[in-house]
Each structure stands twice: as C-alpha cells, then as structure tokens.
N, C-alpha and C. Protein backbone atom coordinates (compact mmCIF):
# COMPACT_ATOMS: atom_id res chain seq x y z
N UNK A 1 -3.30 8.21 -10.14
CA UNK A 1 -4.01 6.95 -10.33
C UNK A 1 -5.14 6.85 -9.32
N UNK A 2 -6.21 6.23 -9.75
CA UNK A 2 -7.31 6.03 -8.82
C UNK A 2 -7.12 4.72 -8.06
N UNK A 3 -7.99 4.46 -7.13
CA UNK A 3 -7.88 3.30 -6.25
C UNK A 3 -7.87 1.98 -7.03
N UNK A 4 -8.73 1.87 -8.02
CA UNK A 4 -8.81 0.63 -8.80
C UNK A 4 -7.53 0.37 -9.58
N UNK A 5 -6.95 1.43 -10.16
CA UNK A 5 -5.69 1.29 -10.90
C UNK A 5 -4.54 0.91 -9.99
N UNK A 6 -4.49 1.52 -8.81
CA UNK A 6 -3.44 1.19 -7.85
C UNK A 6 -3.57 -0.26 -7.38
N UNK A 7 -4.78 -0.67 -7.09
CA UNK A 7 -5.02 -2.05 -6.65
C UNK A 7 -4.60 -3.04 -7.73
N UNK A 8 -4.98 -2.77 -8.97
CA UNK A 8 -4.61 -3.65 -10.08
C UNK A 8 -3.10 -3.71 -10.25
N UNK A 9 -2.43 -2.56 -10.13
CA UNK A 9 -0.96 -2.52 -10.27
C UNK A 9 -0.29 -3.38 -9.20
N UNK A 10 -0.75 -3.27 -7.98
CA UNK A 10 -0.16 -4.04 -6.88
C UNK A 10 -0.37 -5.53 -7.10
N UNK A 11 -1.58 -5.91 -7.47
CA UNK A 11 -1.89 -7.33 -7.65
C UNK A 11 -1.17 -7.93 -8.86
N UNK A 12 -0.94 -7.14 -9.90
CA UNK A 12 -0.18 -7.62 -11.06
C UNK A 12 1.30 -7.76 -10.71
N UNK A 13 1.83 -6.78 -9.98
CA UNK A 13 3.25 -6.80 -9.60
C UNK A 13 3.57 -7.86 -8.55
N UNK A 14 2.56 -8.29 -7.80
CA UNK A 14 2.74 -9.27 -6.72
C UNK A 14 1.78 -10.43 -6.92
N UNK A 15 2.11 -11.38 -7.79
CA UNK A 15 1.17 -12.47 -8.09
C UNK A 15 0.90 -13.39 -6.90
N UNK A 16 1.74 -13.34 -5.87
CA UNK A 16 1.52 -14.18 -4.68
C UNK A 16 0.52 -13.56 -3.71
N UNK A 17 0.07 -12.35 -3.99
CA UNK A 17 -0.85 -11.64 -3.10
C UNK A 17 -2.24 -11.63 -3.72
N UNK A 18 -3.27 -11.84 -2.90
CA UNK A 18 -4.62 -11.69 -3.40
C UNK A 18 -5.24 -10.43 -2.79
N UNK A 19 -6.45 -10.11 -3.21
CA UNK A 19 -7.05 -8.84 -2.78
C UNK A 19 -7.36 -8.81 -1.29
N UNK A 20 -7.57 -9.96 -0.67
CA UNK A 20 -7.84 -9.99 0.76
C UNK A 20 -6.57 -9.71 1.55
N UNK A 21 -5.46 -10.25 1.10
CA UNK A 21 -4.18 -9.98 1.74
C UNK A 21 -3.80 -8.52 1.56
N UNK A 22 -4.10 -7.98 0.39
CA UNK A 22 -3.84 -6.56 0.15
C UNK A 22 -4.67 -5.70 1.08
N UNK A 23 -5.91 -6.07 1.30
CA UNK A 23 -6.78 -5.31 2.22
C UNK A 23 -6.20 -5.30 3.63
N UNK A 24 -5.65 -6.43 4.06
CA UNK A 24 -5.04 -6.51 5.39
C UNK A 24 -3.79 -5.62 5.44
N UNK A 25 -2.99 -5.66 4.37
CA UNK A 25 -1.78 -4.84 4.33
C UNK A 25 -2.12 -3.35 4.35
N UNK A 26 -3.12 -2.95 3.59
CA UNK A 26 -3.53 -1.54 3.57
C UNK A 26 -4.07 -1.13 4.94
N UNK A 27 -4.86 -1.98 5.56
CA UNK A 27 -5.41 -1.65 6.88
C UNK A 27 -4.30 -1.51 7.92
N UNK A 28 -3.31 -2.40 7.85
CA UNK A 28 -2.20 -2.34 8.80
C UNK A 28 -1.41 -1.05 8.62
N UNK A 29 -1.08 -0.70 7.36
CA UNK A 29 -0.33 0.54 7.10
C UNK A 29 -1.18 1.76 7.44
N UNK A 30 -2.46 1.69 7.19
CA UNK A 30 -3.37 2.79 7.52
C UNK A 30 -3.36 3.04 9.03
N UNK A 31 -3.42 1.98 9.82
CA UNK A 31 -3.35 2.12 11.28
C UNK A 31 -2.04 2.77 11.70
N UNK A 32 -0.94 2.36 11.07
CA UNK A 32 0.36 2.94 11.40
C UNK A 32 0.37 4.44 11.09
N UNK A 33 -0.17 4.82 9.94
CA UNK A 33 -0.20 6.23 9.55
C UNK A 33 -1.08 7.04 10.50
N UNK A 34 -2.20 6.49 10.90
CA UNK A 34 -3.10 7.21 11.79
C UNK A 34 -2.56 7.30 13.21
N UNK A 35 -1.61 6.42 13.54
CA UNK A 35 -1.00 6.46 14.87
C UNK A 35 0.34 7.18 14.88
N UNK A 36 0.61 7.99 13.85
CA UNK A 36 1.77 8.86 13.88
C UNK A 36 2.93 8.51 12.98
N UNK A 37 2.87 7.41 12.26
CA UNK A 37 3.97 7.06 11.35
C UNK A 37 4.04 8.09 10.22
N UNK A 38 5.25 8.39 9.79
CA UNK A 38 5.45 9.35 8.71
C UNK A 38 5.24 8.67 7.37
N UNK A 39 4.63 9.39 6.46
CA UNK A 39 4.43 8.87 5.11
C UNK A 39 5.76 8.78 4.40
N UNK A 40 5.92 7.78 3.55
CA UNK A 40 7.13 7.61 2.77
C UNK A 40 7.04 8.33 1.43
N UNK A 41 5.91 8.98 1.18
CA UNK A 41 5.70 9.76 -0.04
C UNK A 41 5.79 11.24 0.29
N UNK A 42 6.23 12.03 -0.66
CA UNK A 42 6.28 13.47 -0.44
C UNK A 42 5.03 14.11 -1.03
N UNK A 43 3.91 13.94 -0.33
CA UNK A 43 2.63 14.50 -0.73
C UNK A 43 2.01 15.20 0.47
N UNK A 44 1.03 16.04 0.20
CA UNK A 44 0.33 16.72 1.27
C UNK A 44 -0.62 15.73 1.94
N UNK A 45 -0.25 15.23 3.09
CA UNK A 45 -1.03 14.19 3.77
C UNK A 45 -2.31 14.71 4.40
N UNK A 46 -2.48 16.01 4.46
CA UNK A 46 -3.71 16.54 5.07
C UNK A 46 -4.91 16.44 4.13
N UNK A 47 -4.67 16.23 2.84
CA UNK A 47 -5.78 16.16 1.89
C UNK A 47 -5.99 14.75 1.34
N UNK A 48 -5.18 13.80 1.77
CA UNK A 48 -5.30 12.42 1.29
C UNK A 48 -5.70 11.52 2.46
N UNK A 49 -6.67 10.68 2.24
CA UNK A 49 -7.09 9.74 3.28
C UNK A 49 -5.96 8.76 3.55
N UNK A 50 -5.86 8.31 4.78
CA UNK A 50 -4.76 7.41 5.15
C UNK A 50 -4.82 6.09 4.39
N UNK A 51 -6.01 5.61 4.08
CA UNK A 51 -6.13 4.36 3.31
C UNK A 51 -5.60 4.54 1.90
N UNK A 52 -5.90 5.67 1.28
CA UNK A 52 -5.38 5.95 -0.06
C UNK A 52 -3.86 6.12 -0.03
N UNK A 53 -3.37 6.77 0.99
CA UNK A 53 -1.93 6.96 1.15
C UNK A 53 -1.23 5.62 1.33
N UNK A 54 -1.80 4.74 2.14
CA UNK A 54 -1.23 3.41 2.35
C UNK A 54 -1.20 2.64 1.03
N UNK A 55 -2.25 2.71 0.27
CA UNK A 55 -2.32 2.02 -1.02
C UNK A 55 -1.27 2.56 -1.98
N UNK A 56 -1.08 3.89 -2.00
CA UNK A 56 -0.07 4.49 -2.87
C UNK A 56 1.33 4.06 -2.46
N UNK A 57 1.60 4.00 -1.16
CA UNK A 57 2.92 3.58 -0.69
C UNK A 57 3.22 2.13 -1.08
N UNK A 58 2.23 1.26 -0.96
CA UNK A 58 2.41 -0.14 -1.33
C UNK A 58 2.61 -0.26 -2.84
N UNK A 59 1.84 0.49 -3.62
CA UNK A 59 1.96 0.45 -5.08
C UNK A 59 3.32 0.93 -5.55
N UNK A 60 3.89 1.91 -4.87
CA UNK A 60 5.20 2.43 -5.25
C UNK A 60 6.34 1.56 -4.75
N UNK A 61 6.02 0.57 -3.94
CA UNK A 61 7.06 -0.32 -3.42
C UNK A 61 7.80 0.26 -2.22
N UNK A 62 7.27 1.31 -1.65
CA UNK A 62 7.90 1.95 -0.49
C UNK A 62 7.61 1.20 0.80
N UNK A 63 6.54 0.44 0.80
CA UNK A 63 6.18 -0.40 1.93
C UNK A 63 6.15 -1.83 1.43
N UNK A 64 6.98 -2.67 2.01
CA UNK A 64 7.05 -4.06 1.60
C UNK A 64 6.13 -4.88 2.49
N UNK A 65 5.30 -5.68 1.85
CA UNK A 65 4.37 -6.52 2.57
C UNK A 65 5.04 -7.88 2.73
N UNK A 66 5.54 -8.16 3.91
CA UNK A 66 6.27 -9.40 4.14
C UNK A 66 5.37 -10.61 3.97
N UNK A 67 5.91 -11.63 3.33
CA UNK A 67 5.17 -12.86 3.14
C UNK A 67 4.39 -12.93 1.83
N UNK A 68 4.22 -11.80 1.14
CA UNK A 68 3.43 -11.78 -0.07
C UNK A 68 4.24 -11.37 -1.30
N UNK A 69 5.46 -10.90 -1.10
CA UNK A 69 6.26 -10.40 -2.19
C UNK A 69 7.23 -11.47 -2.67
N UNK A 70 7.35 -11.63 -3.95
CA UNK A 70 8.27 -12.60 -4.53
C UNK A 70 9.69 -12.06 -4.42
N UNK A 71 10.54 -12.72 -3.67
CA UNK A 71 11.90 -12.26 -3.42
C UNK A 71 12.80 -12.43 -4.65
N UNK A 72 12.52 -13.34 -5.55
CA UNK A 72 13.39 -13.69 -6.65
C UNK A 72 13.27 -12.78 -7.86
N UNK A 73 12.84 -11.57 -7.74
CA UNK A 73 12.69 -10.66 -8.87
C UNK A 73 14.02 -10.23 -9.42
C-alpha cells in the first residue's frame, strides 16, 4: 500500500482521529524508531523510511495511539 492508502485506512478505522493527530502519532513513532526501537513488522528496515514504517505499524494496529482509538470495538 502507498502512503495515501495507509493514511485513509487508519483514518477510516479510527474515526476519533484526524490527520493532524495521525501526523503527531507518526512523528512520535518515527522518533522512537530512529532512536533504536525495534520495528514491530518483519520487513527489511534498511530500505524503508522510518516515517513509512511508522505509518505501516499504525495501519496494521501494531502501535496503538492512546487517546485516539475507540475502545468499544
């Protein structure tokens, strides 16, 4: 999936989140990845930008964005 498709998937799956909150979540996870956190996906991280990796992790539900996710699913 490309960036636009991933973004749309996240925003559809999380109606309480807007694109600005998603940008903050991606930036936070990106910082964590660049400071040594291990990816939760089994992909070659040397060829994927950390921002794209963060977006993929959020889209797959591997990283929960506290405060924006509907708990009652």
